[in-house]
Amino acid sequence: MTDSATGTTGPVLDLGPQTEVLARLAAGVTDEQLAGPTPCPDYAVRHLLGHLLGLTVAFRDAGRKDLGVTTDTSPDSALPDITPGWREELPEVLAELAGAWRDPAAWTGTTRAGGVDLPGEVAGLVATDELVVHGWDLARATGQDYTPDPAALRVCHDFLAASVDDPTRDQIFGPVVPVAPEASRLDRAVGLSGREPGWTPRA
């Protein structure tokens, strides 16, 4: 966005607060929880964490315009999983992602993620959506409290709301789950992402 006083352009959103939320959630996952279910039907907790690691690397490199294998690979190419060093690696790459998107250039021009060419700003919005919604997934799957960064949540909600009339959206997010008009912004965003806000692991 452009500062009217200076005429300079800055980042649309600082992803740092949301990546810090995710890092804390990941640190709270126990080894015993790795095989547990998540709101993503095909993912156990370990797969969700593997997906988070992969998308964080991909969107870090997309923000840097460092295009290659990490930005060209579809997230559906294989079932993601964690590696032995994931507890150290994930917070590091989350911080690197936030740093990459603090550069105003990340939000301009064209980049690539998941093998799809995107305007820089759209890629940043997709990254925000991934960080917010998968943060909710991880918190619900592991019984942790979740308070996303308010600015990231607002961007995520508005991004998802804008996609409702897109005929191809269900291929990415799944059908919208209706929620009460008075529901929280987080619950509305979760419903827009195709998830049931009341989801809990089955005993």
N, C-alpha and C. Protein backbone atom coordinates (compact mmCIF):
# COMPACT_ATOMS: atom_id res chain seq x y z
N MET A 1 0.83 -1.19 0.00
CA MET A 1 0.00 0.00 0.00
C MET A 1 0.87 1.25 0.00
N THR A 2 0.32 2.36 -0.49
CA THR A 2 1.10 3.57 -0.61
C THR A 2 0.82 4.52 0.53
N ASP A 3 1.86 5.08 1.12
CA ASP A 3 1.74 6.08 2.16
C ASP A 3 1.48 7.42 1.49
N SER A 4 0.30 8.01 1.75
CA SER A 4 -0.07 9.24 1.07
C SER A 4 0.84 10.40 1.44
N ALA A 5 1.46 10.33 2.61
CA ALA A 5 2.30 11.42 3.05
C ALA A 5 3.66 11.42 2.38
N THR A 6 4.20 10.21 2.16
CA THR A 6 5.55 10.11 1.61
C THR A 6 5.58 9.64 0.18
N GLY A 7 4.48 9.03 -0.28
CA GLY A 7 4.45 8.48 -1.62
C GLY A 7 5.18 7.17 -1.76
N THR A 8 5.67 6.62 -0.65
CA THR A 8 6.37 5.35 -0.70
C THR A 8 5.39 4.19 -0.55
N THR A 9 5.81 3.05 -1.04
CA THR A 9 4.97 1.86 -0.99
C THR A 9 5.54 0.88 0.02
N GLY A 10 4.70 0.35 0.88
CA GLY A 10 5.14 -0.58 1.90
C GLY A 10 4.40 -1.89 1.79
N PRO A 11 4.74 -2.86 2.64
CA PRO A 11 4.06 -4.15 2.61
C PRO A 11 2.56 -4.00 2.88
N VAL A 12 1.78 -4.86 2.26
CA VAL A 12 0.34 -4.86 2.51
C VAL A 12 0.06 -5.31 3.94
N LEU A 13 0.87 -6.23 4.45
CA LEU A 13 0.65 -6.79 5.79
C LEU A 13 1.97 -7.34 6.31
N ASP A 14 2.23 -7.12 7.58
CA ASP A 14 3.37 -7.75 8.24
C ASP A 14 2.93 -9.13 8.70
N LEU A 15 3.50 -10.17 8.11
CA LEU A 15 3.11 -11.53 8.45
C LEU A 15 3.79 -12.03 9.73
N GLY A 16 4.70 -11.23 10.28
CA GLY A 16 5.44 -11.66 11.46
C GLY A 16 4.58 -12.06 12.64
N PRO A 17 3.59 -11.25 13.03
CA PRO A 17 2.78 -11.65 14.18
C PRO A 17 2.07 -12.99 13.99
N GLN A 18 1.59 -13.26 12.77
CA GLN A 18 0.90 -14.53 12.54
C GLN A 18 1.88 -15.70 12.48
N THR A 19 3.06 -15.49 11.90
CA THR A 19 4.03 -16.59 11.89
C THR A 19 4.48 -16.91 13.30
N GLU A 20 4.54 -15.91 14.18
CA GLU A 20 4.90 -16.17 15.57
C GLU A 20 3.82 -16.98 16.27
N VAL A 21 2.56 -16.70 15.98
CA VAL A 21 1.46 -17.50 16.53
C VAL A 21 1.61 -18.95 16.10
N LEU A 22 1.89 -19.16 14.83
CA LEU A 22 2.03 -20.53 14.32
C LEU A 22 3.23 -21.23 14.96
N ALA A 23 4.32 -20.52 15.13
CA ALA A 23 5.50 -21.13 15.74
C ALA A 23 5.19 -21.59 17.17
N ARG A 24 4.42 -20.78 17.90
CA ARG A 24 4.05 -21.18 19.27
C ARG A 24 3.14 -22.40 19.26
N LEU A 25 2.21 -22.44 18.33
CA LEU A 25 1.33 -23.61 18.23
C LEU A 25 2.14 -24.87 17.93
N ALA A 26 3.05 -24.77 16.98
CA ALA A 26 3.86 -25.93 16.61
C ALA A 26 4.69 -26.41 17.79
N ALA A 27 5.22 -25.46 18.57
CA ALA A 27 6.02 -25.83 19.74
C ALA A 27 5.18 -26.56 20.79
N GLY A 28 3.86 -26.33 20.77
CA GLY A 28 2.98 -26.97 21.74
C GLY A 28 2.50 -28.35 21.34
N VAL A 29 2.87 -28.82 20.16
CA VAL A 29 2.46 -30.15 19.70
C VAL A 29 3.35 -31.20 20.34
N THR A 30 2.73 -32.20 20.93
CA THR A 30 3.50 -33.30 21.53
C THR A 30 3.71 -34.41 20.52
N ASP A 31 4.70 -35.22 20.75
CA ASP A 31 4.96 -36.35 19.85
C ASP A 31 3.75 -37.28 19.80
N GLU A 32 3.04 -37.40 20.91
CA GLU A 32 1.88 -38.29 20.96
C GLU A 32 0.73 -37.80 20.08
N GLN A 33 0.72 -36.51 19.77
CA GLN A 33 -0.35 -35.95 18.96
C GLN A 33 -0.11 -36.03 17.46
N LEU A 34 1.08 -36.42 17.04
CA LEU A 34 1.44 -36.36 15.63
C LEU A 34 0.58 -37.26 14.75
N ALA A 35 0.07 -38.35 15.29
CA ALA A 35 -0.75 -39.27 14.51
C ALA A 35 -2.24 -38.93 14.58
N GLY A 36 -2.60 -37.90 15.33
CA GLY A 36 -4.01 -37.57 15.52
C GLY A 36 -4.64 -36.92 14.30
N PRO A 37 -5.99 -36.91 14.26
CA PRO A 37 -6.70 -36.33 13.12
C PRO A 37 -6.68 -34.81 13.16
N THR A 38 -6.96 -34.22 12.01
CA THR A 38 -7.06 -32.76 11.88
C THR A 38 -8.33 -32.44 11.09
N PRO A 39 -8.71 -31.16 11.03
CA PRO A 39 -9.86 -30.79 10.20
C PRO A 39 -9.64 -31.03 8.70
N CYS A 40 -8.41 -31.26 8.29
CA CYS A 40 -8.10 -31.61 6.90
C CYS A 40 -8.24 -33.13 6.77
N PRO A 41 -9.25 -33.63 6.06
CA PRO A 41 -9.59 -35.06 6.11
C PRO A 41 -8.44 -36.00 5.79
N ASP A 42 -7.53 -35.61 4.90
CA ASP A 42 -6.46 -36.53 4.49
C ASP A 42 -5.19 -36.37 5.32
N TYR A 43 -5.21 -35.47 6.29
CA TYR A 43 -3.99 -35.16 7.03
C TYR A 43 -4.12 -35.56 8.49
N ALA A 44 -3.13 -36.29 8.99
CA ALA A 44 -2.90 -36.37 10.42
C ALA A 44 -2.10 -35.13 10.82
N VAL A 45 -1.89 -34.93 12.10
CA VAL A 45 -1.17 -33.74 12.56
C VAL A 45 0.22 -33.67 11.92
N ARG A 46 0.90 -34.80 11.80
CA ARG A 46 2.23 -34.80 11.20
C ARG A 46 2.19 -34.33 9.75
N HIS A 47 1.13 -34.71 9.03
CA HIS A 47 1.01 -34.29 7.64
C HIS A 47 0.70 -32.80 7.55
N LEU A 48 -0.14 -32.31 8.46
CA LEU A 48 -0.45 -30.88 8.49
C LEU A 48 0.82 -30.08 8.75
N LEU A 49 1.63 -30.54 9.69
CA LEU A 49 2.89 -29.85 9.98
C LEU A 49 3.84 -29.92 8.78
N GLY A 50 3.86 -31.06 8.11
CA GLY A 50 4.69 -31.17 6.90
C GLY A 50 4.21 -30.23 5.81
N HIS A 51 2.89 -30.10 5.68
CA HIS A 51 2.32 -29.17 4.71
C HIS A 51 2.68 -27.74 5.07
N LEU A 52 2.58 -27.41 6.35
CA LEU A 52 2.93 -26.06 6.79
C LEU A 52 4.40 -25.76 6.50
N LEU A 53 5.26 -26.72 6.72
CA LEU A 53 6.68 -26.50 6.44
C LEU A 53 6.90 -26.27 4.95
N GLY A 54 6.26 -27.10 4.12
CA GLY A 54 6.43 -26.97 2.68
C GLY A 54 5.88 -25.66 2.14
N LEU A 55 4.68 -25.26 2.61
CA LEU A 55 4.10 -24.02 2.09
C LEU A 55 4.87 -22.81 2.59
N THR A 56 5.43 -22.90 3.80
CA THR A 56 6.20 -21.78 4.33
C THR A 56 7.46 -21.56 3.50
N VAL A 57 8.15 -22.64 3.15
CA VAL A 57 9.32 -22.53 2.28
C VAL A 57 8.91 -21.97 0.92
N ALA A 58 7.80 -22.49 0.36
CA ALA A 58 7.37 -22.06 -0.96
C ALA A 58 7.02 -20.58 -0.99
N PHE A 59 6.27 -20.11 0.01
CA PHE A 59 5.87 -18.71 0.01
C PHE A 59 7.00 -17.79 0.45
N ARG A 60 7.95 -18.31 1.23
CA ARG A 60 9.17 -17.53 1.50
C ARG A 60 9.88 -17.24 0.18
N ASP A 61 10.06 -18.29 -0.61
CA ASP A 61 10.78 -18.13 -1.87
C ASP A 61 9.96 -17.34 -2.89
N ALA A 62 8.64 -17.49 -2.83
CA ALA A 62 7.78 -16.69 -3.72
C ALA A 62 7.93 -15.21 -3.39
N GLY A 63 7.99 -14.88 -2.10
CA GLY A 63 8.18 -13.49 -1.71
C GLY A 63 9.52 -12.95 -2.15
N ARG A 64 10.53 -13.80 -2.12
CA ARG A 64 11.87 -13.39 -2.55
C ARG A 64 12.01 -13.38 -4.07
N LYS A 65 11.01 -13.89 -4.78
CA LYS A 65 11.07 -14.10 -6.23
C LYS A 65 12.21 -15.06 -6.58
N ASP A 66 12.47 -15.99 -5.68
CA ASP A 66 13.49 -17.01 -5.85
C ASP A 66 12.80 -18.27 -6.36
N LEU A 67 12.51 -18.28 -7.67
CA LEU A 67 11.65 -19.31 -8.24
C LEU A 67 12.46 -20.54 -8.62
N GLY A 68 11.87 -21.71 -8.33
CA GLY A 68 12.55 -22.96 -8.62
C GLY A 68 11.71 -24.12 -8.11
N VAL A 69 12.38 -25.17 -7.65
CA VAL A 69 11.67 -26.38 -7.23
C VAL A 69 10.66 -26.08 -6.12
N THR A 70 11.03 -25.26 -5.16
CA THR A 70 10.15 -25.02 -4.02
C THR A 70 8.87 -24.28 -4.42
N THR A 71 8.94 -23.46 -5.46
CA THR A 71 7.76 -22.69 -5.88
C THR A 71 7.02 -23.36 -7.03
N ASP A 72 7.67 -24.35 -7.67
CA ASP A 72 7.07 -24.98 -8.85
C ASP A 72 6.28 -26.24 -8.51
N THR A 73 6.46 -26.78 -7.32
CA THR A 73 5.87 -28.07 -6.96
C THR A 73 4.47 -27.88 -6.42
N SER A 74 3.51 -28.64 -6.97
CA SER A 74 2.14 -28.58 -6.48
C SER A 74 2.06 -29.17 -5.07
N PRO A 75 1.28 -28.56 -4.18
CA PRO A 75 1.14 -29.12 -2.83
C PRO A 75 0.44 -30.47 -2.82
N ASP A 76 -0.20 -30.84 -3.93
CA ASP A 76 -0.90 -32.13 -4.01
C ASP A 76 -0.04 -33.22 -4.64
N SER A 77 1.24 -32.93 -4.88
CA SER A 77 2.08 -33.89 -5.57
C SER A 77 2.40 -35.12 -4.72
N ALA A 78 2.36 -34.97 -3.41
CA ALA A 78 2.64 -36.09 -2.50
C ALA A 78 2.08 -35.74 -1.13
N LEU A 79 1.83 -36.78 -0.33
CA LEU A 79 1.37 -36.54 1.03
C LEU A 79 2.52 -35.96 1.84
N PRO A 80 2.36 -34.75 2.37
CA PRO A 80 3.46 -34.13 3.11
C PRO A 80 3.70 -34.82 4.44
N ASP A 81 4.89 -34.69 4.95
CA ASP A 81 5.20 -35.28 6.25
C ASP A 81 6.35 -34.48 6.86
N ILE A 82 6.53 -34.67 8.14
CA ILE A 82 7.61 -33.98 8.84
C ILE A 82 8.92 -34.74 8.67
N THR A 83 10.00 -34.04 8.90
CA THR A 83 11.34 -34.63 8.94
C THR A 83 11.83 -34.60 10.39
N PRO A 84 12.90 -35.32 10.72
CA PRO A 84 13.35 -35.35 12.11
C PRO A 84 13.65 -33.98 12.70
N GLY A 85 14.06 -33.03 11.88
CA GLY A 85 14.42 -31.72 12.40
C GLY A 85 13.34 -30.68 12.30
N TRP A 86 12.08 -31.11 12.19
CA TRP A 86 11.02 -30.14 11.92
C TRP A 86 10.82 -29.13 13.04
N ARG A 87 11.07 -29.54 14.28
CA ARG A 87 10.83 -28.61 15.40
C ARG A 87 11.78 -27.41 15.35
N GLU A 88 12.98 -27.61 14.84
CA GLU A 88 13.91 -26.51 14.70
C GLU A 88 13.68 -25.77 13.38
N GLU A 89 13.35 -26.52 12.34
CA GLU A 89 13.26 -25.93 11.00
C GLU A 89 12.02 -25.05 10.82
N LEU A 90 10.88 -25.50 11.32
CA LEU A 90 9.64 -24.76 11.06
C LEU A 90 9.68 -23.33 11.59
N PRO A 91 10.05 -23.08 12.85
CA PRO A 91 10.10 -21.68 13.31
C PRO A 91 11.10 -20.84 12.53
N GLU A 92 12.19 -21.46 12.07
CA GLU A 92 13.18 -20.72 11.31
C GLU A 92 12.61 -20.25 9.97
N VAL A 93 11.95 -21.17 9.26
CA VAL A 93 11.44 -20.78 7.94
C VAL A 93 10.21 -19.86 8.07
N LEU A 94 9.44 -19.99 9.16
CA LEU A 94 8.36 -19.06 9.39
C LEU A 94 8.90 -17.63 9.55
N ALA A 95 9.98 -17.50 10.30
CA ALA A 95 10.59 -16.18 10.47
C ALA A 95 11.14 -15.67 9.15
N GLU A 96 11.70 -16.56 8.34
CA GLU A 96 12.22 -16.16 7.03
C GLU A 96 11.10 -15.73 6.10
N LEU A 97 9.97 -16.43 6.15
CA LEU A 97 8.81 -16.03 5.35
C LEU A 97 8.37 -14.62 5.71
N ALA A 98 8.25 -14.36 7.01
CA ALA A 98 7.83 -13.02 7.44
C ALA A 98 8.81 -11.97 6.96
N GLY A 99 10.10 -12.27 7.03
CA GLY A 99 11.10 -11.32 6.56
C GLY A 99 11.00 -11.06 5.08
N ALA A 100 10.75 -12.12 4.31
CA ALA A 100 10.64 -11.95 2.86
C ALA A 100 9.49 -11.03 2.48
N TRP A 101 8.36 -11.17 3.19
CA TRP A 101 7.18 -10.38 2.83
C TRP A 101 7.16 -9.01 3.48
N ARG A 102 8.18 -8.69 4.27
CA ARG A 102 8.32 -7.31 4.75
C ARG A 102 8.94 -6.42 3.67
N ASP A 103 9.52 -7.03 2.66
CA ASP A 103 10.07 -6.28 1.54
C ASP A 103 8.90 -5.85 0.64
N PRO A 104 8.69 -4.55 0.43
CA PRO A 104 7.58 -4.11 -0.42
C PRO A 104 7.60 -4.74 -1.81
N ALA A 105 8.79 -5.11 -2.31
CA ALA A 105 8.88 -5.70 -3.64
C ALA A 105 8.18 -7.06 -3.71
N ALA A 106 8.05 -7.73 -2.56
CA ALA A 106 7.38 -9.04 -2.56
C ALA A 106 5.94 -8.92 -3.02
N TRP A 107 5.32 -7.79 -2.74
CA TRP A 107 3.90 -7.60 -3.04
C TRP A 107 3.65 -7.04 -4.43
N THR A 108 4.69 -6.89 -5.23
CA THR A 108 4.55 -6.32 -6.57
C THR A 108 5.00 -7.35 -7.60
N GLY A 109 4.74 -7.04 -8.86
CA GLY A 109 5.19 -7.90 -9.94
C GLY A 109 4.49 -9.24 -9.94
N THR A 110 5.17 -10.23 -10.47
CA THR A 110 4.63 -11.58 -10.58
C THR A 110 5.57 -12.56 -9.89
N THR A 111 4.98 -13.57 -9.26
CA THR A 111 5.77 -14.61 -8.63
C THR A 111 5.09 -15.95 -8.89
N ARG A 112 5.50 -16.97 -8.16
CA ARG A 112 4.94 -18.30 -8.38
C ARG A 112 4.90 -19.04 -7.06
N ALA A 113 3.84 -19.83 -6.88
CA ALA A 113 3.72 -20.72 -5.72
C ALA A 113 2.86 -21.90 -6.12
N GLY A 114 3.26 -23.09 -5.69
CA GLY A 114 2.50 -24.27 -6.05
C GLY A 114 2.42 -24.53 -7.53
N GLY A 115 3.40 -24.01 -8.28
CA GLY A 115 3.41 -24.18 -9.73
C GLY A 115 2.49 -23.25 -10.47
N VAL A 116 1.92 -22.27 -9.77
CA VAL A 116 0.98 -21.33 -10.38
C VAL A 116 1.58 -19.93 -10.34
N ASP A 117 1.57 -19.24 -11.48
CA ASP A 117 2.03 -17.86 -11.53
C ASP A 117 0.95 -16.95 -10.98
N LEU A 118 1.37 -16.02 -10.10
CA LEU A 118 0.43 -15.15 -9.41
C LEU A 118 1.00 -13.74 -9.31
N PRO A 119 0.12 -12.72 -9.29
CA PRO A 119 0.61 -11.40 -8.91
C PRO A 119 1.15 -11.45 -7.49
N GLY A 120 2.18 -10.67 -7.23
CA GLY A 120 2.80 -10.70 -5.91
C GLY A 120 1.80 -10.48 -4.78
N GLU A 121 0.90 -9.52 -4.95
CA GLU A 121 -0.05 -9.23 -3.88
C GLU A 121 -0.98 -10.40 -3.64
N VAL A 122 -1.41 -11.07 -4.71
CA VAL A 122 -2.30 -12.23 -4.55
C VAL A 122 -1.56 -13.35 -3.82
N ALA A 123 -0.30 -13.57 -4.16
CA ALA A 123 0.48 -14.60 -3.48
C ALA A 123 0.59 -14.29 -1.99
N GLY A 124 0.76 -13.01 -1.65
CA GLY A 124 0.82 -12.63 -0.25
C GLY A 124 -0.50 -12.88 0.47
N LEU A 125 -1.61 -12.65 -0.21
CA LEU A 125 -2.92 -12.90 0.39
C LEU A 125 -3.15 -14.40 0.57
N VAL A 126 -2.72 -15.19 -0.40
CA VAL A 126 -2.85 -16.65 -0.27
C VAL A 126 -2.00 -17.14 0.90
N ALA A 127 -0.79 -16.62 1.02
CA ALA A 127 0.07 -17.02 2.14
C ALA A 127 -0.60 -16.68 3.47
N THR A 128 -1.21 -15.51 3.55
CA THR A 128 -1.89 -15.11 4.78
C THR A 128 -3.02 -16.07 5.10
N ASP A 129 -3.82 -16.41 4.10
CA ASP A 129 -4.92 -17.35 4.28
C ASP A 129 -4.40 -18.69 4.80
N GLU A 130 -3.33 -19.18 4.20
CA GLU A 130 -2.76 -20.47 4.62
C GLU A 130 -2.31 -20.42 6.08
N LEU A 131 -1.64 -19.34 6.46
CA LEU A 131 -1.13 -19.23 7.82
C LEU A 131 -2.26 -19.15 8.84
N VAL A 132 -3.31 -18.42 8.51
CA VAL A 132 -4.42 -18.24 9.46
C VAL A 132 -5.25 -19.51 9.57
N VAL A 133 -5.67 -20.06 8.44
CA VAL A 133 -6.57 -21.21 8.46
C VAL A 133 -5.86 -22.46 8.97
N HIS A 134 -4.63 -22.69 8.53
CA HIS A 134 -3.93 -23.87 9.03
C HIS A 134 -3.51 -23.70 10.48
N GLY A 135 -3.37 -22.46 10.93
CA GLY A 135 -3.17 -22.25 12.36
C GLY A 135 -4.37 -22.74 13.15
N TRP A 136 -5.56 -22.45 12.64
CA TRP A 136 -6.79 -22.94 13.29
C TRP A 136 -6.82 -24.47 13.25
N ASP A 137 -6.49 -25.04 12.09
CA ASP A 137 -6.47 -26.51 11.96
C ASP A 137 -5.57 -27.12 13.04
N LEU A 138 -4.36 -26.58 13.17
CA LEU A 138 -3.40 -27.15 14.11
C LEU A 138 -3.86 -26.98 15.55
N ALA A 139 -4.41 -25.82 15.86
CA ALA A 139 -4.89 -25.59 17.22
C ALA A 139 -6.02 -26.54 17.57
N ARG A 140 -6.98 -26.69 16.66
CA ARG A 140 -8.11 -27.58 16.94
C ARG A 140 -7.66 -29.03 17.07
N ALA A 141 -6.73 -29.44 16.22
CA ALA A 141 -6.29 -30.83 16.23
C ALA A 141 -5.53 -31.18 17.49
N THR A 142 -4.88 -30.18 18.11
CA THR A 142 -4.02 -30.45 19.27
C THR A 142 -4.56 -29.85 20.56
N GLY A 143 -5.79 -29.33 20.52
CA GLY A 143 -6.42 -28.83 21.74
C GLY A 143 -5.81 -27.57 22.30
N GLN A 144 -5.26 -26.73 21.45
CA GLN A 144 -4.64 -25.50 21.91
C GLN A 144 -5.55 -24.30 21.63
N ASP A 145 -5.43 -23.28 22.48
CA ASP A 145 -6.14 -22.03 22.23
C ASP A 145 -5.55 -21.35 21.00
N TYR A 146 -6.40 -20.63 20.29
CA TYR A 146 -5.95 -19.99 19.06
C TYR A 146 -6.47 -18.57 18.97
N THR A 147 -5.56 -17.63 18.95
CA THR A 147 -5.90 -16.23 18.73
C THR A 147 -5.00 -15.72 17.61
N PRO A 148 -5.49 -15.75 16.37
CA PRO A 148 -4.65 -15.30 15.26
C PRO A 148 -4.39 -13.80 15.34
N ASP A 149 -3.35 -13.38 14.65
CA ASP A 149 -3.08 -11.95 14.55
C ASP A 149 -4.30 -11.26 13.95
N PRO A 150 -4.86 -10.23 14.59
CA PRO A 150 -6.09 -9.60 14.10
C PRO A 150 -5.98 -9.07 12.67
N ALA A 151 -4.84 -8.48 12.33
CA ALA A 151 -4.68 -7.95 10.98
C ALA A 151 -4.65 -9.07 9.95
N ALA A 152 -3.95 -10.16 10.26
CA ALA A 152 -3.90 -11.30 9.35
C ALA A 152 -5.28 -11.94 9.22
N LEU A 153 -6.01 -12.04 10.31
CA LEU A 153 -7.35 -12.62 10.28
C LEU A 153 -8.27 -11.78 9.39
N ARG A 154 -8.18 -10.48 9.52
CA ARG A 154 -9.03 -9.61 8.70
C ARG A 154 -8.73 -9.78 7.21
N VAL A 155 -7.45 -9.83 6.87
CA VAL A 155 -7.06 -10.02 5.48
C VAL A 155 -7.53 -11.39 4.98
N CYS A 156 -7.34 -12.42 5.81
CA CYS A 156 -7.77 -13.77 5.44
C CYS A 156 -9.28 -13.82 5.20
N HIS A 157 -10.05 -13.27 6.14
CA HIS A 157 -11.51 -13.28 6.01
C HIS A 157 -11.95 -12.58 4.73
N ASP A 158 -11.40 -11.41 4.47
CA ASP A 158 -11.81 -10.65 3.30
C ASP A 158 -11.40 -11.35 2.01
N PHE A 159 -10.25 -11.99 2.02
CA PHE A 159 -9.79 -12.75 0.86
C PHE A 159 -10.74 -13.91 0.57
N LEU A 160 -11.12 -14.65 1.61
CA LEU A 160 -12.03 -15.77 1.43
C LEU A 160 -13.42 -15.30 1.02
N ALA A 161 -13.90 -14.21 1.62
CA ALA A 161 -15.22 -13.69 1.28
C ALA A 161 -15.27 -13.27 -0.18
N ALA A 162 -14.18 -12.72 -0.69
CA ALA A 162 -14.15 -12.27 -2.09
C ALA A 162 -14.17 -13.43 -3.07
N SER A 163 -13.86 -14.64 -2.58
CA SER A 163 -13.80 -15.80 -3.47
C SER A 163 -15.13 -16.55 -3.58
N VAL A 164 -16.13 -16.13 -2.81
CA VAL A 164 -17.36 -16.91 -2.71
C VAL A 164 -18.03 -17.11 -4.06
N ASP A 165 -18.00 -16.10 -4.91
CA ASP A 165 -18.68 -16.19 -6.21
C ASP A 165 -17.80 -16.77 -7.30
N ASP A 166 -16.58 -17.17 -6.97
CA ASP A 166 -15.69 -17.77 -7.96
C ASP A 166 -16.10 -19.22 -8.18
N PRO A 167 -16.48 -19.60 -9.41
CA PRO A 167 -16.96 -20.97 -9.64
C PRO A 167 -15.91 -22.05 -9.40
N THR A 168 -14.64 -21.67 -9.35
CA THR A 168 -13.59 -22.67 -9.14
C THR A 168 -13.15 -22.76 -7.68
N ARG A 169 -13.74 -21.95 -6.79
CA ARG A 169 -13.23 -21.88 -5.42
C ARG A 169 -13.36 -23.20 -4.68
N ASP A 170 -14.41 -23.99 -4.97
CA ASP A 170 -14.59 -25.23 -4.23
C ASP A 170 -13.49 -26.24 -4.51
N GLN A 171 -12.76 -26.07 -5.62
CA GLN A 171 -11.64 -26.96 -5.90
C GLN A 171 -10.47 -26.69 -4.95
N ILE A 172 -10.47 -25.50 -4.37
CA ILE A 172 -9.37 -25.10 -3.49
C ILE A 172 -9.78 -25.17 -2.03
N PHE A 173 -10.95 -24.60 -1.72
CA PHE A 173 -11.36 -24.44 -0.33
C PHE A 173 -12.43 -25.42 0.12
N GLY A 174 -13.23 -25.94 -0.78
CA GLY A 174 -14.39 -26.73 -0.39
C GLY A 174 -15.60 -25.84 -0.23
N PRO A 175 -16.80 -26.41 -0.25
CA PRO A 175 -18.03 -25.62 -0.13
C PRO A 175 -18.06 -24.81 1.16
N VAL A 176 -18.61 -23.62 1.08
CA VAL A 176 -18.74 -22.77 2.26
C VAL A 176 -19.63 -23.45 3.29
N VAL A 177 -19.22 -23.42 4.54
CA VAL A 177 -20.03 -23.92 5.65
C VAL A 177 -20.72 -22.71 6.29
N PRO A 178 -22.06 -22.66 6.23
CA PRO A 178 -22.75 -21.49 6.79
C PRO A 178 -22.54 -21.38 8.29
N VAL A 179 -22.38 -20.16 8.76
CA VAL A 179 -22.28 -19.88 10.19
C VAL A 179 -23.24 -18.76 10.52
N ALA A 180 -23.54 -18.60 11.78
CA ALA A 180 -24.49 -17.57 12.21
C ALA A 180 -23.93 -16.18 11.91
N PRO A 181 -24.81 -15.24 11.55
CA PRO A 181 -24.33 -13.88 11.23
C PRO A 181 -23.55 -13.23 12.37
N GLU A 182 -23.88 -13.61 13.60
CA GLU A 182 -23.20 -13.00 14.74
C GLU A 182 -21.93 -13.76 15.13
N ALA A 183 -21.53 -14.75 14.35
CA ALA A 183 -20.33 -15.53 14.65
C ALA A 183 -19.10 -14.64 14.59
N SER A 184 -18.05 -15.06 15.26
CA SER A 184 -16.81 -14.30 15.27
C SER A 184 -16.21 -14.27 13.87
N ARG A 185 -15.33 -13.31 13.66
CA ARG A 185 -14.67 -13.23 12.35
C ARG A 185 -13.88 -14.50 12.07
N LEU A 186 -13.26 -15.09 13.10
CA LEU A 186 -12.52 -16.33 12.89
C LEU A 186 -13.45 -17.44 12.46
N ASP A 187 -14.59 -17.60 13.13
CA ASP A 187 -15.53 -18.64 12.73
C ASP A 187 -16.06 -18.40 11.32
N ARG A 188 -16.29 -17.15 10.96
CA ARG A 188 -16.76 -16.86 9.61
C ARG A 188 -15.69 -17.22 8.58
N ALA A 189 -14.44 -16.90 8.89
CA ALA A 189 -13.35 -17.25 7.98
C ALA A 189 -13.22 -18.77 7.85
N VAL A 190 -13.32 -19.47 8.97
CA VAL A 190 -13.24 -20.93 8.94
C VAL A 190 -14.36 -21.52 8.08
N GLY A 191 -15.58 -21.01 8.25
CA GLY A 191 -16.68 -21.47 7.42
C GLY A 191 -16.46 -21.17 5.95
N LEU A 192 -15.93 -19.99 5.65
CA LEU A 192 -15.65 -19.63 4.26
C LEU A 192 -14.58 -20.52 3.65
N SER A 193 -13.71 -21.07 4.49
CA SER A 193 -12.65 -21.95 4.00
C SER A 193 -13.16 -23.38 3.77
N GLY A 194 -14.43 -23.63 4.09
CA GLY A 194 -15.01 -24.96 3.90
C GLY A 194 -14.88 -25.86 5.10
N ARG A 195 -14.62 -25.29 6.26
CA ARG A 195 -14.47 -26.06 7.48
C ARG A 195 -15.64 -25.80 8.43
N GLU A 196 -15.90 -26.76 9.29
CA GLU A 196 -16.92 -26.63 10.32
C GLU A 196 -16.29 -26.00 11.56
N PRO A 197 -16.70 -24.78 11.93
CA PRO A 197 -16.04 -24.12 13.06
C PRO A 197 -16.10 -24.90 14.36
N GLY A 198 -17.07 -25.78 14.51
CA GLY A 198 -17.18 -26.56 15.75
C GLY A 198 -16.40 -27.86 15.73
N TRP A 199 -15.56 -28.06 14.73
CA TRP A 199 -14.84 -29.34 14.61
C TRP A 199 -13.98 -29.61 15.83
N THR A 200 -14.03 -30.86 16.30
CA THR A 200 -13.14 -31.34 17.34
C THR A 200 -12.72 -32.75 17.00
N PRO A 201 -11.55 -33.20 17.46
CA PRO A 201 -11.13 -34.59 17.18
C PRO A 201 -12.12 -35.56 17.80
N ARG A 202 -12.41 -36.61 17.08
CA ARG A 202 -13.28 -37.66 17.62
C ARG A 202 -12.51 -38.49 18.63
N ALA A 203 -13.20 -38.81 19.69
CA ALA A 203 -12.55 -39.64 20.72
C ALA A 203 -12.29 -41.03 20.22
